[in-house]
């Protein structure tokens, strides 16, 4: 009988762990020593794994260690474009008279996090969250929008898994989700990033197997007056409606 605890492909497991470690490094290079120590493996074994990943473009060697390679971005783009909403996202936002001037993003619910998959740059200065970033869903406009479409039991599970002193209290999150359901869009008053507010609207899945997605608009806190938030929220609702499966849209 085979041992169920035995890793059937340890080299693959180590390769995946190397990619995960480089993702978590925030762009800082990791040395071979850093990686072998984190893997609990000999430097020679780690070097072999890195060599294969480097040859495949998944990582690249720099003067001070290793970083993620261009191939990871290509795979990330291919992953995002399997969702119809993201394929249509750029053209629909560019055509919208309100949102084309804003920073607009699409996030996916991944466990308890918002994973950012697409971004429209409507402003000269950088705002919002870099592509591929993860933020706790309960702290972002995009995340709150996605949570608003889940049943209460699932919401409570996510709140319980993320409840720490650094995030809004559970009751506040519940209130924000209830307001999102009633209003049609969420408002993040700078919990994701200091000085940056967000408005989020859930996107309808094109297929039952699609994960929860949402559209988010980022703006400086200084511009987040009630009138602006409503204007952006209504515009986001309109764009989200255009990103639904045309066969599921109600007839005019």
Foldseek 3Di string as FASTA:
>chain_A
DDDPVDDPDVLVVLLVVVLVVQLVVVFDADALVRSCVVVVHDSVSSVVSVVVCVVVQQWHADPHHIHGGPVVVVVLLVVLVVFLLQVCVAVLQCPQPPRLQFWKWKWFDDQQWTATRDIRDNYPDDDDDDHRDIDGLLQAQFSLQLLLPDDPVSNVVSCVVPDDPLADDPVVSVVQSVVCNVLQKGKRQQSRHNQKIKIKHWADGQDPPDTTMIMMTIDGNVPPDPVVNSVVNVSRSVSSLVSYHPVPRDDD
